[in-house]
Amino acid sequence: KVEAGADFVITQFFYDADIFLTFVQRCRQYGIHCPILPGIMPIQSYSSFTRMTKFCNISVPPAVMQMLEPVKHDDEAVKEIGCQIASDMSRKILCASAEE
């Protein structure tokens, strides 16, 4: 798509920042230098999270599941943890970007 004129890339949603950072690194190695925007989607409910990650074949780190499993029936707690996960991933990606 970049060769066809795309100015930027938006990834599919993910919950493993390391996979995203590896993807960006590989893109740079192949000469793709446009902005790559991470598909960060905060978790809103446990059921929608598990349904979407299975449907889209998204890798979920065990630590994420360990945080969510004890509160899976408490939507407010899931949302709080989901926001924290999104914030942590964003921070990790921004720190890695600053190091480039």
PDB file of N, CA and C in Angstrom:
ATOM      1  N   LYS A   1       0.822  -1.198   0.000  1.00  0.00           N
ATOM      2  CA  LYS A   1       0.000   0.000   0.000  1.00  0.00           C
ATOM      3  C   LYS A   1       0.860   1.254   0.000  1.00  0.00           C
ATOM      4  N   VAL A   2       2.005   1.165   0.651  1.00  0.00           N
ATOM      5  CA  VAL A   2       2.908   2.312   0.658  1.00  0.00           C
ATOM      6  C   VAL A   2       3.401   2.583  -0.760  1.00  0.00           C
ATOM      7  N   GLU A   3       3.729   1.510  -1.494  1.00  0.00           N
ATOM      8  CA  GLU A   3       4.178   1.676  -2.871  1.00  0.00           C
ATOM      9  C   GLU A   3       3.079   2.274  -3.753  1.00  0.00           C
ATOM     10  N   ALA A   4       1.833   2.067  -3.356  1.00  0.00           N
ATOM     11  CA  ALA A   4       0.704   2.609  -4.120  1.00  0.00           C
ATOM     12  C   ALA A   4       0.388   4.042  -3.712  1.00  0.00           C
ATOM     13  N   GLY A   5       1.127   4.573  -2.716  1.00  0.00           N
ATOM     14  CA  GLY A   5       0.945   5.975  -2.357  1.00  0.00           C
ATOM     15  C   GLY A   5       0.437   6.259  -0.951  1.00  0.00           C
ATOM     16  N   ALA A   6       0.311   5.245  -0.128  1.00  0.00           N
ATOM     17  CA  ALA A   6      -0.146   5.490   1.241  1.00  0.00           C
ATOM     18  C   ALA A   6       0.879   6.359   1.976  1.00  0.00           C
ATOM     19  N   ASP A   7       0.384   7.321   2.753  1.00  0.00           N
ATOM     20  CA  ASP A   7       1.257   8.228   3.496  1.00  0.00           C
ATOM     21  C   ASP A   7       1.585   7.716   4.896  1.00  0.00           C
ATOM     22  N   PHE A   8       0.781   6.781   5.390  1.00  0.00           N
ATOM     23  CA  PHE A   8       0.993   6.224   6.720  1.00  0.00           C
ATOM     24  C   PHE A   8       0.321   4.863   6.806  1.00  0.00           C
ATOM     25  N   VAL A   9       0.656   4.131   7.872  1.00  0.00           N
ATOM     26  CA  VAL A   9       0.120   2.787   8.107  1.00  0.00           C
ATOM     27  C   VAL A   9      -0.543   2.781   9.482  1.00  0.00           C
ATOM     28  N   ILE A  10      -1.711   2.162   9.587  1.00  0.00           N
ATOM     29  CA  ILE A  10      -2.353   1.924  10.878  1.00  0.00           C
ATOM     30  C   ILE A  10      -2.429   0.415  11.044  1.00  0.00           C
ATOM     31  N   THR A  11      -1.903  -0.081  12.147  1.00  0.00           N
ATOM     32  CA  THR A  11      -1.898  -1.522  12.348  1.00  0.00           C
ATOM     33  C   THR A  11      -3.228  -2.020  12.882  1.00  0.00           C
ATOM     34  N   GLN A  12      -3.404  -3.314  12.797  1.00  0.00           N
ATOM     35  CA  GLN A  12      -4.506  -3.991  13.460  1.00  0.00           C
ATOM     36  C   GLN A  12      -4.294  -3.815  14.966  1.00  0.00           C
ATOM     37  N   PHE A  13      -5.353  -3.931  15.742  1.00  0.00           N
ATOM     38  CA  PHE A  13      -5.190  -3.792  17.187  1.00  0.00           C
ATOM     39  C   PHE A  13      -4.321  -4.914  17.741  1.00  0.00           C
ATOM     40  N   PHE A  14      -3.663  -4.638  18.857  1.00  0.00           N
ATOM     41  CA  PHE A  14      -2.757  -5.614  19.467  1.00  0.00           C
ATOM     42  C   PHE A  14      -2.666  -5.350  20.963  1.00  0.00           C
ATOM     43  N   TYR A  15      -2.124  -6.320  21.674  1.00  0.00           N
ATOM     44  CA  TYR A  15      -1.912  -6.192  23.121  1.00  0.00           C
ATOM     45  C   TYR A  15      -0.496  -6.572  23.521  1.00  0.00           C
ATOM     46  N   ASP A  16       0.397  -6.677  22.554  1.00  0.00           N
ATOM     47  CA  ASP A  16       1.796  -7.001  22.811  1.00  0.00           C
ATOM     48  C   ASP A  16       2.655  -5.969  22.092  1.00  0.00           C
ATOM     49  N   ALA A  17       3.159  -5.003  22.845  1.00  0.00           N
ATOM     50  CA  ALA A  17       3.934  -3.915  22.250  1.00  0.00           C
ATOM     51  C   ALA A  17       5.199  -4.424  21.569  1.00  0.00           C
ATOM     52  N   ASP A  18       5.773  -5.504  22.066  1.00  0.00           N
ATOM     53  CA  ASP A  18       6.991  -6.042  21.459  1.00  0.00           C
ATOM     54  C   ASP A  18       6.752  -6.500  20.027  1.00  0.00           C
ATOM     55  N   ILE A  19       5.593  -7.085  19.770  1.00  0.00           N
ATOM     56  CA  ILE A  19       5.262  -7.503  18.401  1.00  0.00           C
ATOM     57  C   ILE A  19       5.169  -6.282  17.492  1.00  0.00           C
ATOM     58  N   PHE A  20       4.539  -5.222  17.977  1.00  0.00           N
ATOM     59  CA  PHE A  20       4.448  -3.990  17.192  1.00  0.00           C
ATOM     60  C   PHE A  20       5.842  -3.424  16.912  1.00  0.00           C
ATOM     61  N   LEU A  21       6.682  -3.356  17.936  1.00  0.00           N
ATOM     62  CA  LEU A  21       8.018  -2.787  17.757  1.00  0.00           C
ATOM     63  C   LEU A  21       8.852  -3.608  16.778  1.00  0.00           C
ATOM     64  N   THR A  22       8.702  -4.913  16.811  1.00  0.00           N
ATOM     65  CA  THR A  22       9.390  -5.777  15.842  1.00  0.00           C
ATOM     66  C   THR A  22       8.868  -5.517  14.436  1.00  0.00           C
ATOM     67  N   PHE A  23       7.562  -5.351  14.309  1.00  0.00           N
ATOM     68  CA  PHE A  23       6.956  -5.050  13.006  1.00  0.00           C
ATOM     69  C   PHE A  23       7.515  -3.740  12.440  1.00  0.00           C
ATOM     70  N   VAL A  24       7.586  -2.713  13.272  1.00  0.00           N
ATOM     71  CA  VAL A  24       8.115  -1.418  12.824  1.00  0.00           C
ATOM     72  C   VAL A  24       9.569  -1.572  12.392  1.00  0.00           C
ATOM     73  N   GLN A  25      10.339  -2.292  13.167  1.00  0.00           N
ATOM     74  CA  GLN A  25      11.749  -2.518  12.846  1.00  0.00           C
ATOM     75  C   GLN A  25      11.889  -3.221  11.491  1.00  0.00           C
ATOM     76  N   ARG A  26      11.074  -4.229  11.255  1.00  0.00           N
ATOM     77  CA  ARG A  26      11.120  -4.947   9.968  1.00  0.00           C
ATOM     78  C   ARG A  26      10.710  -4.035   8.821  1.00  0.00           C
ATOM     79  N   CYS A  27       9.690  -3.222   9.039  1.00  0.00           N
ATOM     80  CA  CYS A  27       9.275  -2.283   7.995  1.00  0.00           C
ATOM     81  C   CYS A  27      10.419  -1.350   7.633  1.00  0.00           C
ATOM     82  N   ARG A  28      11.103  -0.833   8.629  1.00  0.00           N
ATOM     83  CA  ARG A  28      12.233   0.081   8.385  1.00  0.00           C
ATOM     84  C   ARG A  28      13.341  -0.630   7.608  1.00  0.00           C
ATOM     85  N   GLN A  29      13.586  -1.906   7.931  1.00  0.00           N
ATOM     86  CA  GLN A  29      14.612  -2.673   7.224  1.00  0.00           C
ATOM     87  C   GLN A  29      14.252  -2.854   5.754  1.00  0.00           C
ATOM     88  N   TYR A  30      12.947  -2.917   5.461  1.00  0.00           N
ATOM     89  CA  TYR A  30      12.499  -3.084   4.079  1.00  0.00           C
ATOM     90  C   TYR A  30      12.296  -1.749   3.366  1.00  0.00           C
ATOM     91  N   GLY A  31      12.685  -0.652   4.017  1.00  0.00           N
ATOM     92  CA  GLY A  31      12.622   0.650   3.365  1.00  0.00           C
ATOM     93  C   GLY A  31      11.300   1.375   3.519  1.00  0.00           C
ATOM     94  N   ILE A  32      10.462   0.922   4.409  1.00  0.00           N
ATOM     95  CA  ILE A  32       9.190   1.607   4.673  1.00  0.00           C
ATOM     96  C   ILE A  32       9.445   2.599   5.797  1.00  0.00           C
ATOM     97  N   HIS A  33       9.399   3.883   5.461  1.00  0.00           N
ATOM     98  CA  HIS A  33       9.774   4.912   6.432  1.00  0.00           C
ATOM     99  C   HIS A  33       8.630   5.876   6.749  1.00  0.00           C
ATOM    100  N   CYS A  34       7.439   5.579   6.303  1.00  0.00           N
ATOM    101  CA  CYS A  34       6.301   6.436   6.632  1.00  0.00           C
ATOM    102  C   CYS A  34       5.881   6.179   8.091  1.00  0.00           C
ATOM    103  N   PRO A  35       5.085   7.065   8.662  1.00  0.00           N
ATOM    104  CA  PRO A  35       4.605   6.830  10.037  1.00  0.00           C
ATOM    105  C   PRO A  35       3.797   5.530  10.124  1.00  0.00           C
ATOM    106  N   ILE A  36       4.013   4.799  11.208  1.00  0.00           N
ATOM    107  CA  ILE A  36       3.257   3.576  11.478  1.00  0.00           C
ATOM    108  C   ILE A  36       2.529   3.785  12.799  1.00  0.00           C
ATOM    109  N   LEU A  37       1.222   3.900  12.726  1.00  0.00           N
ATOM    110  CA  LEU A  37       0.405   4.188  13.904  1.00  0.00           C
ATOM    111  C   LEU A  37      -0.051   2.886  14.563  1.00  0.00           C
ATOM    112  N   PRO A  38       0.193   2.758  15.861  1.00  0.00           N
ATOM    113  CA  PRO A  38      -0.193   1.522  16.537  1.00  0.00           C
ATOM    114  C   PRO A  38      -1.699   1.434  16.764  1.00  0.00           C
ATOM    115  N   GLY A  39      -2.249   0.257  16.518  1.00  0.00           N
ATOM    116  CA  GLY A  39      -3.673   0.011  16.743  1.00  0.00           C
ATOM    117  C   GLY A  39      -3.932  -0.356  18.191  1.00  0.00           C
ATOM    118  N   ILE A  40      -3.914   0.646  19.044  1.00  0.00           N
ATOM    119  CA  ILE A  40      -4.126   0.407  20.473  1.00  0.00           C
ATOM    120  C   ILE A  40      -5.611   0.582  20.776  1.00  0.00           C
ATOM    121  N   MET A  41      -6.224  -0.490  21.268  1.00  0.00           N
ATOM    122  CA  MET A  41      -7.658  -0.465  21.565  1.00  0.00           C
ATOM    123  C   MET A  41      -7.860  -0.860  23.031  1.00  0.00           C
ATOM    124  N   PRO A  42      -8.224   0.094  23.890  1.00  0.00           N
ATOM    125  CA  PRO A  42      -8.459  -0.258  25.294  1.00  0.00           C
ATOM    126  C   PRO A  42      -9.552  -1.324  25.431  1.00  0.00           C
ATOM    127  N   ILE A  43      -9.369  -2.195  26.374  1.00  0.00           N
ATOM    128  CA  ILE A  43     -10.319  -3.285  26.610  1.00  0.00           C
ATOM    129  C   ILE A  43     -11.536  -2.725  27.339  1.00  0.00           C
ATOM    130  N   GLN A  44     -12.714  -2.984  26.795  1.00  0.00           N
ATOM    131  CA  GLN A  44     -13.959  -2.470  27.374  1.00  0.00           C
ATOM    132  C   GLN A  44     -14.722  -3.513  28.175  1.00  0.00           C
ATOM    133  N   SER A  45     -14.642  -4.751  27.736  1.00  0.00           N
ATOM    134  CA  SER A  45     -15.279  -5.843  28.478  1.00  0.00           C
ATOM    135  C   SER A  45     -14.518  -7.124  28.174  1.00  0.00           C
ATOM    136  N   TYR A  46     -14.541  -8.030  29.124  1.00  0.00           N
ATOM    137  CA  TYR A  46     -13.795  -9.279  28.965  1.00  0.00           C
ATOM    138  C   TYR A  46     -14.356 -10.097  27.801  1.00  0.00           C
ATOM    139  N   SER A  47     -15.676 -10.156  27.704  1.00  0.00           N
ATOM    140  CA  SER A  47     -16.276 -10.979  26.640  1.00  0.00           C
ATOM    141  C   SER A  47     -15.942 -10.445  25.250  1.00  0.00           C
ATOM    142  N   SER A  48     -16.015  -9.127  25.057  1.00  0.00           N
ATOM    143  CA  SER A  48     -15.687  -8.585  23.733  1.00  0.00           C
ATOM    144  C   SER A  48     -14.193  -8.734  23.449  1.00  0.00           C
ATOM    145  N   PHE A  49     -13.367  -8.587  24.478  1.00  0.00           N
ATOM    146  CA  PHE A  49     -11.922  -8.760  24.327  1.00  0.00           C
ATOM    147  C   PHE A  49     -11.596 -10.175  23.855  1.00  0.00           C
ATOM    148  N   THR A  50     -12.136 -11.184  24.543  1.00  0.00           N
ATOM    149  CA  THR A  50     -11.821 -12.569  24.153  1.00  0.00           C
ATOM    150  C   THR A  50     -12.400 -12.913  22.785  1.00  0.00           C
ATOM    151  N   ARG A  51     -13.589 -12.410  22.500  1.00  0.00           N
ATOM    152  CA  ARG A  51     -14.207 -12.675  21.201  1.00  0.00           C
ATOM    153  C   ARG A  51     -13.380 -12.073  20.058  1.00  0.00           C
ATOM    154  N   MET A  52     -12.984 -10.809  20.221  1.00  0.00           N
ATOM    155  CA  MET A  52     -12.242 -10.131  19.151  1.00  0.00           C
ATOM    156  C   MET A  52     -10.827 -10.688  18.989  1.00  0.00           C
ATOM    157  N   THR A  53     -10.164 -10.991  20.091  1.00  0.00           N
ATOM    158  CA  THR A  53      -8.799 -11.522  19.960  1.00  0.00           C
ATOM    159  C   THR A  53      -8.809 -12.895  19.305  1.00  0.00           C
ATOM    160  N   LYS A  54      -9.818 -13.695  19.600  1.00  0.00           N
ATOM    161  CA  LYS A  54      -9.917 -15.009  18.940  1.00  0.00           C
ATOM    162  C   LYS A  54     -10.281 -14.852  17.468  1.00  0.00           C
ATOM    163  N   PHE A  55     -11.270 -14.012  17.195  1.00  0.00           N
ATOM    164  CA  PHE A  55     -11.737 -13.814  15.823  1.00  0.00           C
ATOM    165  C   PHE A  55     -10.620 -13.270  14.924  1.00  0.00           C
ATOM    166  N   CYS A  56      -9.816 -12.339  15.457  1.00  0.00           N
ATOM    167  CA  CYS A  56      -8.751 -11.706  14.672  1.00  0.00           C
ATOM    168  C   CYS A  56      -7.395 -12.372  14.852  1.00  0.00           C
ATOM    169  N   ASN A  57      -7.371 -13.466  15.632  1.00  0.00           N
ATOM    170  CA  ASN A  57      -6.138 -14.209  15.868  1.00  0.00           C
ATOM    171  C   ASN A  57      -5.027 -13.304  16.432  1.00  0.00           C
ATOM    172  N   ILE A  58      -5.366 -12.554  17.479  1.00  0.00           N
ATOM    173  CA  ILE A  58      -4.443 -11.614  18.105  1.00  0.00           C
ATOM    174  C   ILE A  58      -3.695 -12.310  19.243  1.00  0.00           C
ATOM    175  N   SER A  59      -2.398 -12.144  19.255  1.00  0.00           N
ATOM    176  CA  SER A  59      -1.562 -12.694  20.326  1.00  0.00           C
ATOM    177  C   SER A  59      -1.765 -11.865  21.594  1.00  0.00           C
ATOM    178  N   VAL A  60      -2.052 -12.542  22.691  1.00  0.00           N
ATOM    179  CA  VAL A  60      -2.248 -11.862  23.971  1.00  0.00           C
ATOM    180  C   VAL A  60      -1.213 -12.409  24.953  1.00  0.00           C
ATOM    181  N   PRO A  61      -0.370 -11.533  25.485  1.00  0.00           N
ATOM    182  CA  PRO A  61       0.624 -12.000  26.453  1.00  0.00           C
ATOM    183  C   PRO A  61      -0.048 -12.612  27.688  1.00  0.00           C
ATOM    184  N   PRO A  62       0.547 -13.649  28.255  1.00  0.00           N
ATOM    185  CA  PRO A  62      -0.023 -14.270  29.456  1.00  0.00           C
ATOM    186  C   PRO A  62      -0.267 -13.273  30.595  1.00  0.00           C
ATOM    187  N   ALA A  63       0.600 -12.277  30.719  1.00  0.00           N
ATOM    188  CA  ALA A  63       0.437 -11.287  31.792  1.00  0.00           C
ATOM    189  C   ALA A  63      -0.880 -10.523  31.663  1.00  0.00           C
ATOM    190  N   VAL A  64      -1.310 -10.261  30.433  1.00  0.00           N
ATOM    191  CA  VAL A  64      -2.584  -9.563  30.218  1.00  0.00           C
ATOM    192  C   VAL A  64      -3.731 -10.447  30.686  1.00  0.00           C
ATOM    193  N   MET A  65      -3.687 -11.708  30.321  1.00  0.00           N
ATOM    194  CA  MET A  65      -4.752 -12.628  30.746  1.00  0.00           C
ATOM    195  C   MET A  65      -4.760 -12.790  32.262  1.00  0.00           C
ATOM    196  N   GLN A  66      -3.592 -12.818  32.874  1.00  0.00           N
ATOM    197  CA  GLN A  66      -3.504 -12.957  34.322  1.00  0.00           C
ATOM    198  C   GLN A  66      -4.099 -11.753  35.041  1.00  0.00           C
ATOM    199  N   MET A  67      -3.980 -10.570  34.462  1.00  0.00           N
ATOM    200  CA  MET A  67      -4.577  -9.375  35.063  1.00  0.00           C
ATOM    201  C   MET A  67      -6.096  -9.374  34.918  1.00  0.00           C
ATOM    202  N   LEU A  68      -6.581  -9.855  33.774  1.00  0.00           N
ATOM    203  CA  LEU A  68      -8.008  -9.778  33.477  1.00  0.00           C
ATOM    204  C   LEU A  68      -8.830 -10.914  34.083  1.00  0.00           C
ATOM    205  N   GLU A  69      -8.265 -12.083  34.135  1.00  0.00           N
ATOM    206  CA  GLU A  69      -9.019 -13.266  34.567  1.00  0.00           C
ATOM    207  C   GLU A  69      -9.719 -13.077  35.920  1.00  0.00           C
ATOM    208  N   PRO A  70      -9.055 -12.545  36.956  1.00  0.00           N
ATOM    209  CA  PRO A  70      -9.728 -12.423  38.259  1.00  0.00           C
ATOM    210  C   PRO A  70     -10.900 -11.433  38.277  1.00  0.00           C
ATOM    211  N   VAL A  71     -10.945 -10.507  37.309  1.00  0.00           N
ATOM    212  CA  VAL A  71     -11.999  -9.485  37.310  1.00  0.00           C
ATOM    213  C   VAL A  71     -12.908  -9.582  36.083  1.00  0.00           C
ATOM    214  N   LYS A  72     -12.863 -10.697  35.392  1.00  0.00           N
ATOM    215  CA  LYS A  72     -13.567 -10.809  34.108  1.00  0.00           C
ATOM    216  C   LYS A  72     -15.068 -10.546  34.185  1.00  0.00           C
ATOM    217  N   HIS A  73     -15.666 -10.664  35.363  1.00  0.00           N
ATOM    218  CA  HIS A  73     -17.109 -10.415  35.503  1.00  0.00           C
ATOM    219  C   HIS A  73     -17.415  -9.009  36.010  1.00  0.00           C
ATOM    220  N   ASP A  74     -16.404  -8.186  36.160  1.00  0.00           N
ATOM    221  CA  ASP A  74     -16.548  -6.814  36.654  1.00  0.00           C
ATOM    222  C   ASP A  74     -16.115  -5.855  35.545  1.00  0.00           C
ATOM    223  N   ASP A  75     -17.096  -5.380  34.751  1.00  0.00           N
ATOM    224  CA  ASP A  75     -16.774  -4.549  33.592  1.00  0.00           C
ATOM    225  C   ASP A  75     -15.974  -3.295  33.949  1.00  0.00           C
ATOM    226  N   GLU A  76     -16.272  -2.673  35.073  1.00  0.00           N
ATOM    227  CA  GLU A  76     -15.536  -1.469  35.462  1.00  0.00           C
ATOM    228  C   GLU A  76     -14.068  -1.791  35.754  1.00  0.00           C
ATOM    229  N   ALA A  77     -13.823  -2.883  36.448  1.00  0.00           N
ATOM    230  CA  ALA A  77     -12.441  -3.293  36.735  1.00  0.00           C
ATOM    231  C   ALA A  77     -11.715  -3.665  35.444  1.00  0.00           C
ATOM    232  N   VAL A  78     -12.416  -4.341  34.539  1.00  0.00           N
ATOM    233  CA  VAL A  78     -11.822  -4.702  33.245  1.00  0.00           C
ATOM    234  C   VAL A  78     -11.450  -3.435  32.473  1.00  0.00           C
ATOM    235  N   LYS A  79     -12.330  -2.439  32.474  1.00  0.00           N
ATOM    236  CA  LYS A  79     -12.043  -1.179  31.781  1.00  0.00           C
ATOM    237  C   LYS A  79     -10.830  -0.483  32.389  1.00  0.00           C
ATOM    238  N   GLU A  80     -10.742  -0.465  33.711  1.00  0.00           N
ATOM    239  CA  GLU A  80      -9.593   0.161  34.373  1.00  0.00           C
ATOM    240  C   GLU A  80      -8.294  -0.538  33.988  1.00  0.00           C
ATOM    241  N   ILE A  81      -8.306  -1.850  34.037  1.00  0.00           N
ATOM    242  CA  ILE A  81      -7.118  -2.616  33.651  1.00  0.00           C
ATOM    243  C   ILE A  81      -6.829  -2.409  32.168  1.00  0.00           C
ATOM    244  N   GLY A  82      -7.870  -2.391  31.350  1.00  0.00           N
ATOM    245  CA  GLY A  82      -7.700  -2.164  29.915  1.00  0.00           C
ATOM    246  C   GLY A  82      -7.049  -0.828  29.618  1.00  0.00           C
ATOM    247  N   CYS A  83      -7.451   0.209  30.344  1.00  0.00           N
ATOM    248  CA  CYS A  83      -6.828   1.535  30.165  1.00  0.00           C
ATOM    249  C   CYS A  83      -5.377   1.514  30.607  1.00  0.00           C
ATOM    250  N   GLN A  84      -5.086   0.801  31.680  1.00  0.00           N
ATOM    251  CA  GLN A  84      -3.713   0.705  32.163  1.00  0.00           C
ATOM    252  C   GLN A  84      -2.832  -0.042  31.155  1.00  0.00           C
ATOM    253  N   ILE A  85      -3.361  -1.109  30.590  1.00  0.00           N
ATOM    254  CA  ILE A  85      -2.619  -1.869  29.576  1.00  0.00           C
ATOM    255  C   ILE A  85      -2.332  -0.982  28.362  1.00  0.00           C
ATOM    256  N   ALA A  86      -3.346  -0.254  27.890  1.00  0.00           N
ATOM    257  CA  ALA A  86      -3.173   0.644  26.739  1.00  0.00           C
ATOM    258  C   ALA A  86      -2.148   1.729  27.054  1.00  0.00           C
ATOM    259  N   SER A  87      -2.213   2.268  28.263  1.00  0.00           N
ATOM    260  CA  SER A  87      -1.262   3.301  28.678  1.00  0.00           C
ATOM    261  C   SER A  87       0.159   2.746  28.743  1.00  0.00           C
ATOM    262  N   ASP A  88       0.313   1.571  29.312  1.00  0.00           N
ATOM    263  CA  ASP A  88       1.637   0.945  29.406  1.00  0.00           C
ATOM    264  C   ASP A  88       2.224   0.659  28.027  1.00  0.00           C
ATOM    265  N   MET A  89       1.379   0.147  27.121  1.00  0.00           N
ATOM    266  CA  MET A  89       1.862  -0.130  25.762  1.00  0.00           C
ATOM    267  C   MET A  89       2.276   1.166  25.071  1.00  0.00           C
ATOM    268  N   SER A  90       1.463   2.203  25.223  1.00  0.00           N
ATOM    269  CA  SER A  90       1.772   3.496  24.603  1.00  0.00           C
ATOM    270  C   SER A  90       3.096   4.036  25.117  1.00  0.00           C
ATOM    271  N   ARG A  91       3.285   3.950  26.416  1.00  0.00           N
ATOM    272  CA  ARG A  91       4.527   4.437  27.023  1.00  0.00           C
ATOM    273  C   ARG A  91       5.730   3.657  26.480  1.00  0.00           C
ATOM    274  N   LYS A  92       5.600   2.351  26.393  1.00  0.00           N
ATOM    275  CA  LYS A  92       6.702   1.516  25.891  1.00  0.00           C
ATOM    276  C   LYS A  92       7.032   1.863  24.443  1.00  0.00           C
ATOM    277  N   ILE A  93       6.006   2.058  23.628  1.00  0.00           N
ATOM    278  CA  ILE A  93       6.215   2.392  22.212  1.00  0.00           C
ATOM    279  C   ILE A  93       6.843   3.775  22.076  1.00  0.00           C
ATOM    280  N   LEU A  94       6.365   4.731  22.864  1.00  0.00           N
ATOM    281  CA  LEU A  94       6.939   6.091  22.809  1.00  0.00           C
ATOM    282  C   LEU A  94       8.395   6.090  23.259  1.00  0.00           C
ATOM    283  N   CYS A  95       8.706   5.346  24.301  1.00  0.00           N
ATOM    284  CA  CYS A  95      10.097   5.266  24.767  1.00  0.00           C
ATOM    285  C   CYS A  95      10.987   4.639  23.709  1.00  0.00           C
ATOM    286  N   ALA A  96      10.513   3.583  23.078  1.00  0.00           N
ATOM    287  CA  ALA A  96      11.289   2.928  22.017  1.00  0.00           C
ATOM    288  C   ALA A  96      11.471   3.865  20.825  1.00  0.00           C
ATOM    289  N   SER A  97      10.443   4.651  20.502  1.00  0.00           N
ATOM    290  CA  SER A  97      10.530   5.595  19.388  1.00  0.00           C
ATOM    291  C   SER A  97      11.538   6.696  19.680  1.00  0.00           C
ATOM    292  N   ALA A  98      11.599   7.125  20.930  1.00  0.00           N
ATOM    293  CA  ALA A  98      12.535   8.179  21.326  1.00  0.00           C
ATOM    294  C   ALA A  98      13.982   7.693  21.238  1.00  0.00           C
ATOM    295  N   GLU A  99      14.176   6.397  21.392  1.00  0.00           N
ATOM    296  CA  GLU A  99      15.525   5.831  21.342  1.00  0.00           C
ATOM    297  C   GLU A  99      16.057   5.693  19.919  1.00  0.00           C
ATOM    298  N   GLU A 100      15.171   5.736  18.924  1.00  0.00           N
ATOM    299  CA  GLU A 100      15.602   5.557  17.518  1.00  0.00           C
ATOM    300  C   GLU A 100      16.446   6.704  17.048  1.00  0.00           C
TER     301      GLU A 100
END
